[in-house]
């Protein structure tokens, strides 16, 4: 699964730490997400999408090979 977290975060002018604080995770988790090294739980994906006022599907891209 791919995501647009880094792009969205930069567009909104917030740091990795600020995003981490908003969604109650460590900055390392945000770093791992941005590097596509970690797939979030549904709850974390939901929290991240709320920060950017988007649907989960607009932040996280599910590909056929992910199924």
Protein backbone atom coordinates (compact mmCIF):
# COMPACT_ATOMS: atom_id res chain seq x y z
CA UNK A 1 0.00 0.00 0.00
CA UNK A 2 1.30 3.41 -0.94
CA UNK A 3 0.42 6.72 0.66
CA UNK A 4 0.59 10.48 0.11
CA UNK A 5 1.47 11.38 3.70
CA UNK A 6 4.73 13.21 2.99
CA UNK A 7 3.21 15.20 0.12
CA UNK A 8 0.16 16.14 2.19
CA UNK A 9 2.24 16.97 5.26
CA UNK A 10 4.51 19.29 3.27
CA UNK A 11 1.51 20.90 1.53
CA UNK A 12 0.01 21.63 4.97
CA UNK A 13 3.31 22.95 6.34
CA UNK A 14 3.57 20.59 9.30
CA UNK A 15 6.56 18.64 10.54
CA UNK A 16 6.75 14.90 11.05
CA UNK A 17 6.66 15.50 14.81
CA UNK A 18 3.60 17.72 14.58
CA UNK A 19 1.74 15.09 12.57
CA UNK A 20 2.87 12.39 14.99
CA UNK A 21 1.54 14.43 17.92
CA UNK A 22 -1.81 14.99 16.18
CA UNK A 23 -2.34 11.26 15.62
CA UNK A 24 -0.74 10.04 18.88
CA UNK A 25 2.23 8.12 17.47
CA UNK A 26 5.99 8.63 17.45
CA UNK A 27 7.78 10.57 14.75
CA UNK A 28 9.50 7.29 13.83
CA UNK A 29 6.11 5.88 12.86
CA UNK A 30 5.49 8.84 10.56
CA UNK A 31 8.96 8.42 9.04
CA UNK A 32 8.29 4.73 8.40
CA UNK A 33 4.93 5.53 6.83
CA UNK A 34 6.45 8.16 4.56
CA UNK A 35 9.13 5.70 3.42
CA UNK A 36 6.40 3.16 2.60
CA UNK A 37 7.99 0.77 5.15
CA UNK A 38 4.92 0.43 7.38
CA UNK A 39 1.21 -0.07 6.82
CA UNK A 40 -0.90 1.64 9.47
CA UNK A 41 -3.78 0.20 11.41
CA UNK A 42 -7.22 1.24 10.26
CA UNK A 43 -7.49 3.56 13.27
CA UNK A 44 -4.20 5.29 12.48
CA UNK A 45 -5.12 5.62 8.80
CA UNK A 46 -8.43 7.18 9.87
CA UNK A 47 -6.70 9.64 12.23
CA UNK A 48 -4.23 10.68 9.54
CA UNK A 49 -7.01 11.21 7.01
CA UNK A 50 -8.87 13.40 9.54
CA UNK A 51 -5.82 15.63 9.99
CA UNK A 52 -5.88 16.37 6.26
CA UNK A 53 -9.71 16.43 6.02
CA UNK A 54 -9.63 13.69 3.39
CA UNK A 55 -11.09 10.24 2.88
CA UNK A 56 -8.77 7.35 3.75
CA UNK A 57 -8.69 6.40 0.06
CA UNK A 58 -7.33 9.84 -0.80
CA UNK A 59 -4.34 9.36 1.52
CA UNK A 60 -3.68 5.64 1.10
CA UNK A 61 -3.53 3.96 -2.30
CA UNK A 62 -4.49 0.31 -2.36
CA UNK A 63 -3.10 -1.60 -5.31
CA UNK A 64 -4.25 -4.92 -6.72
CA UNK A 65 -1.08 -6.62 -5.46
CA UNK A 66 -1.96 -5.54 -1.89
CA UNK A 67 -4.98 -7.86 -1.85
